[in-house]
Protein backbone atom coordinates (compact mmCIF):
# COMPACT_ATOMS: atom_id res chain seq x y z
CA MET A 1 8.59 -23.81 2.22
CA HIS A 2 9.32 -24.85 -0.94
CA ASP A 3 8.68 -21.33 -2.67
CA THR A 4 11.16 -20.09 0.27
CA LEU A 5 13.76 -22.47 -0.29
CA ARG A 6 14.04 -21.97 -4.10
CA GLU A 7 13.86 -18.08 -3.60
CA LEU A 8 17.02 -18.39 -1.34
CA ALA A 9 18.92 -20.65 -3.70
CA VAL A 10 18.32 -18.46 -6.65
CA ALA A 11 19.48 -15.29 -4.82
CA ASP A 12 22.73 -16.77 -3.55
CA PRO A 13 25.32 -15.44 -5.81
CA LEU A 14 27.99 -18.52 -4.55
CA ARG A 15 25.39 -21.12 -6.55
CA PRO A 16 26.74 -22.75 -9.37
CA GLY A 17 25.39 -21.73 -12.76
CA TYR A 18 26.49 -24.34 -15.20
CA HIS A 19 26.87 -27.01 -12.89
CA PHE A 20 24.09 -29.11 -12.31
CA THR A 21 22.11 -28.28 -8.90
CA SER A 22 18.77 -29.18 -7.66
CA PRO A 23 16.28 -26.80 -7.69
CA ALA A 24 17.22 -26.06 -4.05
CA GLY A 25 17.38 -27.94 -0.71
CA TRP A 26 19.84 -30.59 -0.38
CA LEU A 27 21.65 -32.76 -3.23
CA ASN A 28 23.95 -35.72 -2.53
CA ASP A 29 25.55 -38.65 -4.56
CA PRO A 30 25.26 -38.95 -8.13
CA ASN A 31 22.94 -42.07 -9.03
CA GLY A 32 21.54 -44.31 -11.70
CA THR A 33 23.74 -42.51 -13.97
CA CYS A 34 23.47 -43.29 -17.71
CA GLN A 35 22.45 -42.52 -21.35
CA ARG A 36 19.49 -44.34 -23.02
CA ASP A 37 18.36 -43.85 -26.75
CA GLY A 38 20.57 -40.52 -27.00
CA VAL A 39 19.17 -39.26 -23.84
CA PHE A 40 21.54 -38.79 -20.58
CA HIS A 41 19.85 -39.85 -17.29
CA LEU A 42 21.22 -38.01 -13.56
CA PHE A 43 19.55 -39.35 -10.71
CA TYR A 44 20.35 -38.03 -7.45
CA GLN A 45 20.11 -37.94 -3.79
CA TYR A 46 17.70 -35.08 -2.73
CA ASN A 47 16.04 -33.53 -0.10
CA PRO A 48 13.13 -30.70 -1.18
CA GLU A 49 12.18 -30.20 2.49
CA SER A 50 15.53 -28.55 3.55
CA PRO A 51 19.27 -28.16 2.64
CA GLN A 52 20.09 -31.04 5.19
CA HIS A 53 20.45 -34.93 4.75
CA ARG A 54 17.42 -36.47 5.76
CA SER A 55 14.21 -38.50 4.17
CA ILE A 56 16.24 -38.56 0.99
CA GLN A 57 14.43 -39.23 -2.52
CA TRP A 58 15.81 -39.98 -5.53
CA GLY A 59 15.84 -36.57 -7.95
CA HIS A 60 15.92 -36.57 -11.64
CA ALA A 61 17.19 -34.79 -14.59
CA THR A 62 17.76 -35.33 -18.35
CA SER A 63 20.17 -33.85 -20.98
CA THR A 64 21.06 -34.65 -24.40
CA ASP A 65 24.29 -32.73 -24.46
CA LEU A 66 25.73 -32.88 -20.57
CA VAL A 67 25.48 -29.24 -20.01
CA SER A 68 21.56 -28.00 -19.79
CA TRP A 69 19.41 -30.21 -18.14
CA ARG A 70 15.64 -31.05 -17.64
CA ASP A 71 14.02 -31.69 -14.43
CA LEU A 72 11.65 -34.76 -14.16
CA PRO A 73 9.70 -36.03 -11.54
CA ILE A 74 10.90 -37.80 -8.44
CA ALA A 75 11.66 -41.48 -9.28
CA LEU A 76 11.95 -42.88 -5.59
CA ALA A 77 10.64 -41.55 -2.50
CA PRO A 78 10.49 -43.18 0.87
CA SER A 79 7.52 -45.29 1.76
CA GLU A 80 6.70 -47.98 4.39
CA GLY A 81 9.32 -50.65 4.93
CA PRO A 82 13.04 -50.84 4.51
CA ASP A 83 13.10 -47.40 2.84
CA ALA A 84 10.99 -45.66 5.63
CA GLU A 85 13.98 -43.39 6.20
CA GLY A 86 15.60 -43.01 2.93
CA CYS A 87 16.28 -44.16 -0.89
CA TRP A 88 19.87 -43.96 -0.61
CA SER A 89 22.22 -44.49 -3.36
CA GLY A 90 22.19 -47.05 -5.98
CA VAL A 91 22.66 -47.57 -10.02
CA LEU A 92 20.68 -48.71 -12.89
CA VAL A 93 20.79 -51.65 -15.08
CA ASP A 94 19.07 -53.09 -17.80
CA ASP A 95 17.31 -56.48 -17.41
CA GLY A 96 16.25 -57.99 -20.78
CA GLY A 97 15.14 -54.37 -21.94
CA ARG A 98 13.22 -53.76 -18.30
CA PRO A 99 14.85 -50.66 -16.50
CA VAL A 100 15.80 -51.55 -12.73
CA ILE A 101 17.15 -49.37 -9.80
CA VAL A 102 19.04 -51.36 -7.43
CA TYR A 103 19.57 -48.89 -4.33
CA SER A 104 20.15 -48.99 -0.64
CA GLY A 105 16.61 -48.56 1.61
CA HIS A 106 17.48 -46.93 4.77
CA ALA A 107 15.10 -47.45 7.93
CA GLU A 108 16.00 -48.21 11.63
CA GLY A 109 19.64 -47.05 11.09
CA ARG A 110 20.09 -50.00 8.89
CA GLN A 111 20.56 -49.90 5.27
CA THR A 112 19.39 -53.13 2.65
CA ALA A 113 19.65 -53.79 -1.08
CA CYS A 114 16.23 -52.89 -2.77
CA LEU A 115 14.86 -52.85 -6.31
CA ALA A 116 12.48 -50.52 -8.24
CA TYR A 117 11.16 -51.41 -11.57
CA GLY A 118 11.00 -48.63 -14.45
CA ASP A 119 9.16 -47.97 -17.55
CA GLU A 120 11.02 -47.08 -20.88
CA SER A 121 11.04 -43.42 -20.09
CA LEU A 122 12.40 -44.09 -16.97
CA THR A 123 9.71 -41.41 -15.04
CA SER A 124 7.31 -44.13 -13.29
CA TRP A 125 9.03 -46.74 -10.78
CA THR A 126 7.55 -49.55 -8.90
CA LYS A 127 9.40 -51.17 -5.84
CA GLU A 128 9.82 -54.66 -5.73
CA PRO A 129 7.28 -56.15 -3.26
CA GLY A 130 9.86 -58.48 -1.53
CA ASN A 131 12.19 -55.60 -0.64
CA PRO A 132 14.84 -55.66 1.02
CA VAL A 133 16.27 -58.41 -1.76
CA LEU A 134 19.59 -58.55 0.32
CA GLU A 135 20.88 -57.71 3.83
CA ARG A 136 24.12 -57.45 5.60
CA PRO A 137 25.94 -61.05 5.50
CA GLU A 138 25.73 -62.89 8.78
CA GLY A 139 28.65 -63.71 10.74
CA VAL A 140 30.48 -60.89 10.28
CA ASP A 141 30.95 -57.76 12.15
CA VAL A 142 30.43 -55.01 9.31
CA THR A 143 30.96 -51.25 10.29
CA GLU A 144 28.17 -50.18 7.41
CA PHE A 145 26.47 -51.84 4.45
CA ARG A 146 25.32 -49.68 1.33
CA ASP A 147 26.00 -48.55 -2.24
CA HIS A 148 26.08 -50.84 -5.35
CA ALA A 149 27.70 -51.71 -8.60
CA VAL A 150 25.69 -54.28 -10.61
CA TRP A 151 27.07 -55.79 -13.82
CA ARG A 152 26.44 -59.23 -15.76
CA GLU A 153 29.39 -61.48 -15.87
CA GLY A 154 29.83 -65.24 -17.22
CA GLY A 155 25.90 -65.39 -17.91
CA SER A 156 24.88 -64.27 -14.38
CA TRP A 157 24.32 -60.66 -12.56
CA ARG A 158 27.33 -59.75 -10.02
CA GLN A 159 27.07 -57.11 -7.71
CA ILE A 160 29.33 -55.65 -4.90
CA ILE A 161 28.16 -53.62 -1.90
CA GLY A 162 30.21 -51.12 -0.04
CA SER A 163 31.25 -52.10 3.60
CA GLY A 164 33.68 -52.19 6.24
CA ILE A 165 34.76 -55.32 8.50
CA ARG A 166 35.58 -53.74 11.94
CA GLY A 167 38.82 -54.21 13.17
CA GLU A 168 39.98 -54.50 10.01
CA GLY A 169 39.23 -52.14 7.00
CA GLY A 170 36.89 -51.12 4.21
CA THR A 171 35.40 -53.88 2.04
CA ALA A 172 33.11 -54.37 -0.84
CA PHE A 173 31.27 -57.77 -0.68
CA LEU A 174 30.75 -59.57 -3.82
CA TYR A 175 27.49 -61.61 -4.85
CA SER A 176 26.18 -63.48 -7.67
CA SER A 177 22.48 -63.73 -8.68
CA ASP A 178 20.31 -64.91 -11.59
CA ASP A 179 17.40 -62.80 -11.34
CA LEU A 180 18.74 -59.75 -9.13
CA LYS A 181 16.40 -60.86 -6.27
CA GLU A 182 18.39 -63.93 -4.83
CA TRP A 183 21.79 -62.98 -4.21
CA SER A 184 24.73 -65.69 -2.88
CA LEU A 185 27.47 -64.07 -1.29
CA ILE A 186 30.88 -64.91 -2.85
CA GLY A 187 33.16 -63.25 -0.31
CA PRO A 188 34.85 -59.75 -0.28
CA LEU A 189 36.44 -58.65 -3.25
CA ALA A 190 39.18 -56.81 -1.27
CA VAL A 191 39.58 -55.56 1.90
CA GLY A 192 41.61 -52.77 3.00
CA ASP A 193 43.83 -52.01 6.14
CA ALA A 194 42.77 -49.16 8.31
CA ASP A 195 45.59 -49.53 10.36
CA ALA A 196 48.15 -49.15 7.27
CA LEU A 197 48.51 -45.13 7.44
CA PRO A 198 47.30 -42.57 9.98
CA ASP A 199 43.70 -41.15 9.32
CA ASP A 200 44.97 -37.90 8.00
CA ASP A 201 46.98 -39.57 5.35
CA PRO A 202 45.62 -38.51 1.78
CA LEU A 203 45.85 -42.52 0.82
CA TRP A 204 44.14 -43.43 3.90
CA THR A 205 41.46 -45.89 2.90
CA GLY A 206 38.80 -45.67 5.79
CA THR A 207 37.23 -48.15 7.85
CA MET A 208 34.46 -48.52 5.26
CA TRP A 209 34.37 -48.13 1.47
CA GLU A 210 31.24 -46.33 0.55
CA CYS A 211 29.99 -44.91 -2.92
CA ILE A 212 31.70 -48.02 -4.86
CA ASP A 213 32.39 -48.87 -8.66
CA PHE A 214 34.13 -51.61 -10.77
CA PHE A 215 35.32 -51.93 -14.17
CA ARG A 216 37.73 -52.58 -16.75
CA LEU A 217 39.79 -49.37 -18.51
CA ARG A 218 42.28 -49.43 -20.81
CA PRO A 219 44.87 -47.10 -22.06
CA ASP A 220 43.24 -46.32 -25.37
CA GLY A 221 40.59 -45.14 -22.76
CA SER A 222 37.94 -47.90 -23.87
CA THR A 223 36.60 -49.30 -20.92
CA ALA A 224 33.52 -52.71 -20.26
CA ALA A 225 32.32 -54.61 -17.27
CA PRO A 226 34.40 -56.36 -14.93
CA ASP A 227 35.26 -59.84 -16.22
CA GLY A 228 37.59 -62.46 -14.37
CA GLU A 229 38.70 -64.23 -17.53
CA SER A 230 39.91 -61.04 -19.43
CA GLY A 231 43.27 -60.73 -17.59
CA GLU A 232 42.83 -56.83 -17.97
CA THR A 233 43.50 -54.09 -15.58
CA HIS A 234 40.20 -53.40 -13.24
CA VAL A 235 39.26 -50.41 -11.29
CA LEU A 236 37.67 -50.14 -7.88
CA ILE A 237 36.67 -46.84 -7.33
CA TYR A 238 35.47 -45.92 -3.67
CA SER A 239 35.15 -43.17 -1.00
CA ALA A 240 36.71 -43.58 2.19
CA TRP A 241 34.58 -43.20 4.99
CA ASP A 242 35.06 -43.39 8.94
CA ASP A 243 32.18 -43.26 11.50
CA GLY A 244 30.27 -40.42 9.48
CA ARG A 245 33.42 -38.72 8.03
CA THR A 246 33.37 -38.66 4.49
CA MET A 247 37.41 -38.44 3.58
CA HIS A 248 38.02 -38.80 -0.05
CA PRO A 249 37.71 -40.77 -3.23
CA LEU A 250 40.02 -43.61 -4.12
CA ALA A 251 40.61 -45.47 -7.40
CA ALA A 252 42.60 -49.27 -6.91
CA THR A 253 43.76 -50.69 -9.93
CA GLY A 254 44.76 -54.74 -10.07
CA SER A 255 43.82 -57.80 -11.40
CA TYR A 256 40.63 -59.65 -10.76
CA ASP A 257 40.00 -63.61 -11.11
CA GLY A 258 36.32 -63.40 -10.60
CA ARG A 259 36.16 -63.63 -7.01
CA ALA A 260 38.91 -61.21 -5.78
CA LEU A 261 40.59 -58.19 -6.68
CA SER A 262 44.29 -57.97 -6.21
CA ILE A 263 45.11 -54.84 -5.64
CA GLU A 264 48.45 -53.45 -7.07
CA ARG A 265 48.13 -49.41 -7.11
CA THR A 266 45.79 -46.98 -5.30
CA GLN A 267 45.68 -43.34 -5.99
CA ARG A 268 43.75 -40.40 -4.74
CA LEU A 269 40.84 -39.82 -7.64
CA ASP A 270 40.91 -36.33 -6.82
CA LEU A 271 43.06 -34.01 -4.65
CA GLY A 272 40.12 -32.22 -3.18
CA GLY A 273 39.42 -34.88 -1.14
CA ARG A 274 35.45 -34.84 -0.28
CA HIS A 275 34.82 -31.82 -2.51
CA ALA A 276 34.59 -34.40 -5.11
CA TYR A 277 32.96 -37.31 -3.23
CA ALA A 278 30.79 -40.55 -4.01
CA PRO A 279 32.09 -40.81 -7.66
CA GLN A 280 29.75 -42.88 -9.85
CA THR A 281 30.69 -43.86 -13.44
CA PHE A 282 28.97 -45.17 -16.64
CA VAL A 283 29.53 -45.99 -20.22
CA ASP A 284 27.80 -43.56 -22.58
CA GLU A 285 26.60 -44.63 -26.19
CA ALA A 286 30.11 -43.58 -27.53
CA GLY A 287 31.95 -45.95 -25.37
CA ARG A 288 33.62 -43.27 -23.19
CA ARG A 289 33.69 -43.77 -19.30
CA ILE A 290 32.07 -40.86 -17.64
CA LEU A 291 32.29 -39.90 -14.02
CA TRP A 292 29.98 -37.64 -11.92
CA SER A 293 30.71 -36.74 -8.44
CA TRP A 294 29.02 -34.49 -5.53
CA MET A 295 30.79 -30.93 -4.77
CA GLN A 296 30.27 -31.17 -0.97
CA GLU A 297 29.98 -27.80 0.76
CA ALA A 298 32.77 -26.32 2.83
CA ARG A 299 30.41 -23.72 5.05
CA SER A 300 28.65 -24.63 8.16
CA ASP A 301 25.21 -26.23 8.33
CA ALA A 302 23.63 -22.83 9.41
CA ALA A 303 25.19 -21.25 6.13
CA MET A 304 23.38 -23.96 3.87
CA VAL A 305 20.25 -23.58 5.70
CA GLU A 306 20.27 -19.97 5.24
CA ALA A 307 21.26 -20.20 1.73
CA GLY A 308 18.45 -22.58 1.13
CA TRP A 309 20.68 -25.05 -0.91
CA SER A 310 23.70 -27.38 -0.44
CA GLY A 311 25.63 -29.55 -2.99
CA ALA A 312 26.26 -29.67 -6.49
CA MET A 313 27.61 -31.94 -9.00
CA ALA A 314 31.31 -31.77 -10.32
CA LEU A 315 31.82 -31.46 -13.77
CA PRO A 316 31.00 -34.72 -15.75
CA ARG A 317 34.83 -36.29 -16.94
CA THR A 318 35.85 -39.03 -19.19
CA LEU A 319 38.23 -41.33 -17.64
CA ALA A 320 41.22 -43.17 -19.05
CA LEU A 321 44.28 -45.31 -17.88
CA ASP A 322 47.65 -44.19 -19.42
CA GLU A 323 50.62 -46.25 -19.87
CA SER A 324 51.98 -45.77 -16.46
CA GLY A 325 48.60 -47.24 -15.00
CA THR A 326 47.62 -43.46 -13.55
CA ILE A 327 43.98 -42.84 -14.16
CA ARG A 328 43.70 -39.32 -15.62
CA GLN A 329 40.42 -37.29 -15.99
CA SER A 330 38.91 -34.78 -18.57
CA PRO A 331 36.11 -32.55 -18.64
CA VAL A 332 33.73 -33.83 -21.37
CA ALA A 333 34.02 -32.24 -24.88
CA GLU A 334 30.47 -31.09 -24.71
CA LEU A 335 31.20 -28.64 -21.99
CA GLU A 336 32.60 -26.38 -24.85
CA GLY A 337 28.82 -25.66 -25.68
CA ALA A 338 28.63 -23.76 -22.31
CA ARG A 339 31.50 -21.35 -23.49
CA GLY A 340 30.23 -17.51 -23.95
CA ALA A 341 32.64 -14.68 -24.98
CA ARG A 342 36.46 -14.95 -24.44
CA LEU A 343 37.78 -13.46 -21.74
CA ALA A 344 40.19 -10.11 -22.11
CA TRP A 345 43.65 -10.17 -20.84
CA SER A 346 46.01 -7.38 -20.03
CA GLY A 347 49.44 -7.69 -18.40
CA GLY A 348 52.94 -8.35 -19.46
CA GLU A 349 54.88 -11.31 -20.30
CA LYS A 350 55.22 -12.97 -16.69
CA SER A 351 51.81 -12.12 -15.54
CA ALA A 352 48.17 -11.88 -17.31
CA ILE A 353 45.10 -10.30 -15.56
CA SER A 354 41.51 -10.72 -16.30
CA ARG A 355 38.07 -11.08 -14.57
CA GLY A 356 35.32 -13.86 -14.07
CA THR A 357 33.74 -15.93 -11.25
CA ARG A 358 31.81 -18.10 -13.76
CA ALA A 359 34.78 -18.95 -16.35
CA GLU A 360 36.98 -21.48 -17.82
CA LEU A 361 40.84 -20.81 -18.62
CA ALA A 362 43.42 -23.04 -20.09
CA PHE A 363 47.02 -22.51 -20.67
CA GLU A 364 50.10 -24.47 -21.06
CA ALA A 365 52.85 -24.25 -18.21
CA ARG A 366 56.56 -24.89 -18.60
CA ILE A 367 58.07 -25.54 -15.20
CA PRO A 368 61.65 -26.11 -14.92
CA GLU A 369 63.01 -27.06 -11.62
CA GLY A 370 63.10 -24.22 -8.98
CA SER A 371 60.42 -22.36 -10.68
CA GLY A 372 56.65 -21.90 -10.64
CA VAL A 373 53.45 -20.66 -11.80
CA GLY A 374 51.00 -19.09 -9.85
CA VAL A 375 47.08 -18.15 -10.52
CA ASP A 376 44.87 -16.09 -8.17
CA LEU A 377 41.28 -16.96 -8.59
CA PHE A 378 38.34 -15.12 -7.05
CA ALA A 379 40.67 -12.36 -6.12
CA SER A 380 39.57 -8.94 -4.81
CA ASP A 381 41.74 -5.98 -5.91
CA ASP A 382 43.36 -5.45 -2.65
CA GLY A 383 44.03 -9.36 -2.46
CA SER A 384 42.23 -9.80 0.80
CA GLU A 385 40.34 -12.44 -0.74
CA ARG A 386 41.91 -14.85 -3.04
CA THR A 387 42.27 -18.78 -3.72
CA THR A 388 45.70 -19.40 -5.47
CA LEU A 389 46.84 -22.45 -7.16
CA ARG A 390 50.69 -22.86 -7.28
CA LEU A 391 52.33 -25.23 -9.67
CA GLY A 392 56.23 -26.08 -9.06
CA ARG A 393 58.80 -28.57 -9.65
CA ASP A 394 60.65 -30.25 -6.68
CA ALA A 395 64.21 -31.73 -6.62
CA ALA A 396 62.90 -34.93 -7.44
CA GLY A 397 61.40 -33.37 -10.92
CA ASP A 398 57.95 -33.88 -9.78
CA VAL A 399 55.37 -31.24 -10.45
CA THR A 400 53.55 -30.39 -7.20
CA ILE A 401 50.15 -28.71 -7.17
CA GLU A 402 49.09 -26.50 -4.08
CA LEU A 403 45.49 -25.03 -4.15
CA ASP A 404 45.91 -22.41 -1.18
CA ARG A 405 42.49 -21.30 0.27
CA SER A 406 43.46 -19.67 3.32
CA ALA A 407 42.77 -16.58 1.92
CA SER A 408 39.55 -17.60 0.14
CA SER A 409 36.87 -15.98 2.20
CA LEU A 410 36.47 -13.19 4.76
CA GLY A 411 33.61 -15.41 6.01
CA GLU A 412 33.62 -17.35 8.80
CA GLY A 413 33.19 -20.99 9.92
CA LEU A 414 34.57 -22.29 6.70
CA ASP A 415 36.98 -25.32 5.99
CA THR A 416 39.72 -23.67 4.07
CA ARG A 417 42.54 -26.17 4.13
CA ALA A 418 44.92 -26.48 1.29
CA HIS A 419 44.75 -29.16 -1.38
CA THR A 420 48.11 -30.48 -2.44
CA GLY A 421 49.32 -33.52 -4.55
CA VAL A 422 51.89 -34.53 -7.30
CA VAL A 423 51.11 -34.60 -11.16
CA PRO A 424 52.66 -38.11 -11.77
CA GLY A 425 54.95 -38.48 -15.05
CA ALA A 426 54.75 -34.61 -15.70
CA GLY A 427 56.91 -33.51 -18.66
CA GLU A 428 58.60 -30.16 -18.78
CA THR A 429 55.19 -28.56 -19.51
CA VAL A 430 51.89 -29.34 -18.55
CA ALA A 431 48.46 -28.55 -19.77
CA VAL A 432 46.22 -26.86 -17.07
CA ARG A 433 42.53 -26.32 -17.05
CA ALA A 434 40.58 -24.59 -14.44
CA PHE A 435 36.58 -24.17 -14.04
CA LEU A 436 35.07 -21.18 -11.84
CA ASP A 437 31.50 -20.93 -10.98
CA GLY A 438 30.15 -19.28 -7.85
CA SER A 439 31.68 -21.51 -5.13
CA SER A 440 33.22 -23.80 -6.83
CA LEU A 441 36.53 -24.64 -8.62
CA GLU A 442 37.91 -27.57 -10.50
CA VAL A 443 41.77 -27.55 -11.62
CA PHE A 444 43.02 -30.24 -13.94
CA VAL A 445 46.72 -30.47 -14.47
CA ASP A 446 47.80 -33.08 -17.16
CA GLY A 447 44.56 -34.91 -16.31
CA ILE A 448 44.90 -34.74 -12.54
CA ALA A 449 41.65 -33.32 -11.00
CA THR A 450 41.64 -30.86 -8.07
CA THR A 451 38.00 -29.94 -6.92
CA THR A 452 37.33 -27.72 -4.02
CA ARG A 453 34.44 -25.18 -2.56
CA VAL A 454 35.48 -21.37 -1.99
CA TYR A 455 33.02 -18.74 -0.72
CA PRO A 456 34.35 -15.10 -1.45
CA THR A 457 32.47 -12.36 0.19
CA ARG A 458 33.69 -9.22 -1.68
CA ASP A 459 32.12 -8.09 -4.95
CA ASP A 460 35.12 -7.25 -6.65
CA ALA A 461 36.51 -10.62 -5.77
CA ASP A 462 36.26 -11.69 -9.25
CA GLY A 463 39.97 -11.40 -10.69
CA ILE A 464 42.00 -13.78 -12.22
CA ARG A 465 45.81 -13.24 -12.20
CA VAL A 466 48.15 -15.86 -13.70
CA GLY A 467 51.84 -15.31 -13.17
CA ALA A 468 55.09 -17.08 -13.42
CA ARG A 469 58.42 -17.02 -11.77
CA GLY A 470 62.02 -17.93 -12.18
CA GLY A 471 62.46 -19.83 -15.51
CA ALA A 472 58.64 -20.93 -15.47
CA ALA A 473 56.55 -19.63 -18.79
CA VAL A 474 53.00 -19.65 -19.37
CA ALA A 475 51.89 -20.24 -23.07
CA ASN A 476 48.61 -20.29 -25.18
CA LEU A 477 46.26 -18.65 -22.36
CA GLU A 478 42.81 -18.65 -23.19
CA GLY A 479 39.80 -18.31 -21.34
CA TRP A 480 35.90 -18.16 -21.55
CA GLU A 481 32.96 -16.66 -19.87
CA MET A 482 30.67 -19.62 -19.25
CA LEU A 483 27.01 -19.42 -19.59
CA ASP A 484 24.28 -20.12 -17.05
CA GLN A 485 22.74 -23.37 -17.70
CA GLU A 486 20.24 -23.67 -15.15
CA GLN A 487 16.63 -24.01 -16.50
CA PRO A 488 14.34 -20.51 -15.87
CA VAL A 489 11.69 -22.05 -14.36
CA ARG A 490 12.04 -25.09 -11.77
CA GLN A 491 9.75 -26.96 -9.40
CA MET A 492 10.79 -28.39 -6.00
CA LEU A 493 8.65 -31.50 -6.84
CA PRO A 494 8.96 -31.70 -10.77
CA GLY A 495 5.74 -33.03 -12.22
CA ALA A 496 3.72 -33.06 -9.21
CA SER A 497 1.05 -31.29 -6.90
CA GLU A 498 2.23 -30.39 -3.53
CA GLY A 499 -0.44 -32.18 -1.80
CA ASP A 500 1.26 -35.59 -3.49
CA GLY A 501 3.01 -37.84 -1.24
CA HIS A 502 5.63 -39.06 -4.16
CA GLU A 503 5.54 -42.33 -2.88
CA ARG A 504 6.45 -44.66 -5.70
C-alpha cells in the first residue's frame, strides 16, 4: 500500500515540487512549527495510509533554509485513550528546556487537550500519562473544541483553544496554568457573531474558530507573545469553520487586557479562502513572525485517491503590520535559493510571453483608474485552459484583485470559483509576485496574498502571458524557473519498519 501511494504521488505532474508535501497520502494542518538551534521544524497532520482525513498522525520534517526538507520519524500516532482516533493539531513549547507538544486528541467524536514530552532532538515523544489535561468547559454549549495557542504571560502559562458557542458564534477559550497540566478557565478571549453577515460573505466569522493563533505584531515587523500589560496591538488568527465546512482564515486585531481581546478590525488573511487554511505562526531566531498554512485541494475525493496524495503547505511567509493596521505577507527571503534559470520573455511593449509550471515571476504594475493588468498562467496555446489574474483600479481608487479559475481546467468535479478582493492603501504602482508549482498558485500584491489550486490537463498548459490595457504599464518584469526541492528518496513511515505500530 505504501509503495503504491508513493508511486502514484511521484507520477502525478500536478504535485508541487518546491512546496512541502508529505511523502504521499494525506497532509493537512501545520503543527508545532519552530526553530531550535538553527534548525526549522515542521510537524503536520498526516495519514500515510491513504489520501483521506482519518487516523491522523504527526509527520515531522526539518530544514536549515526553509526550502529543502528532510523527513524524520512520526512524532505522534494514535494510541489507546483520548487520541485513539487521531492526534490532531497543536503547538510545541519549551518548558524550562523540555520540549512539550500541546495537541488535540480525538476519540469518540470529541477533542480534548493532551500533552507529549520530547527529547532534545524532537524525535522521541512520550505522552503524558494523565491525558487528557483539559476538556471542553462545563455549562457551555460548544460547537467544537480543538486546536491550541500556548505562551508564557505574567509568570504562568496561558492557552487558548478554538471553539464556538452554539447560537452565538466562534470563540477561543482562554486558560491559565502553572504546569501545563492543571488549567483554570479565565473565559472567552472573544466571541464572534455568526449572524452578523451571511455565510457566503468573505468576512463571515463562522460558528467555530479553529486553528487559532495569538501574538503581538508591530509596524516594524517585530513580534512577541501576548501580554495584557503591553498596550500593543494583538493579532488573533483563526479559521472560520461551520458544521464541517472549512471556510477561510481571518486575522482580528485589537487590544488585549490579559483576559479578553477587544477586536477593532478583521481582515481576510488570504483571499484564496480555504486554499490557505489552518495557518500557524512561530518566531524564528532572527525575530521574524513566520506563517505556514495548508493548501487544501480543489478536486474530488476520488481524484485525490487516484493521485495517491492530498494537500501541500503554502510557502512560508513573514508577517508585518503596516501603519494602517493591515497585515501584509511576504514569502521568506530564503526562497530565492530555489530559483533556477531565468525565464525567457518575448513580445512587445504591452505584452510579454514565457512558459513554466514551476516558476516565480515578479513585476511592478502601474494602474491608473480605468486601466488594468492581466496575467494568464498555466495557459494552453489555444487558451482553452488558463488561470487569469486581473488587477484593476475601481472608481473609488482601490486596486482590485480577481483570480479567475473558470477556464483553469478541462477536467470535471473541480472547484473553479473565482477569488476576489481589494489591496488596501495601494498607490499608483503595486508590486506583484506569483509562484506557480504544479497545481498550486500563490499571488502577492503589495503583500496581500491570494492562494489557490488549479488542475490543467493539457501538455501545453504552461504558458505565462502578461499584458496591460488602457493606461496601465508593467515594469521590471522578471521570472525564474523554480527547482524541485523534494528529497529523492522518501519513506511513507520515515525511520520505522513497516511492522512498527508507531505508537508513542
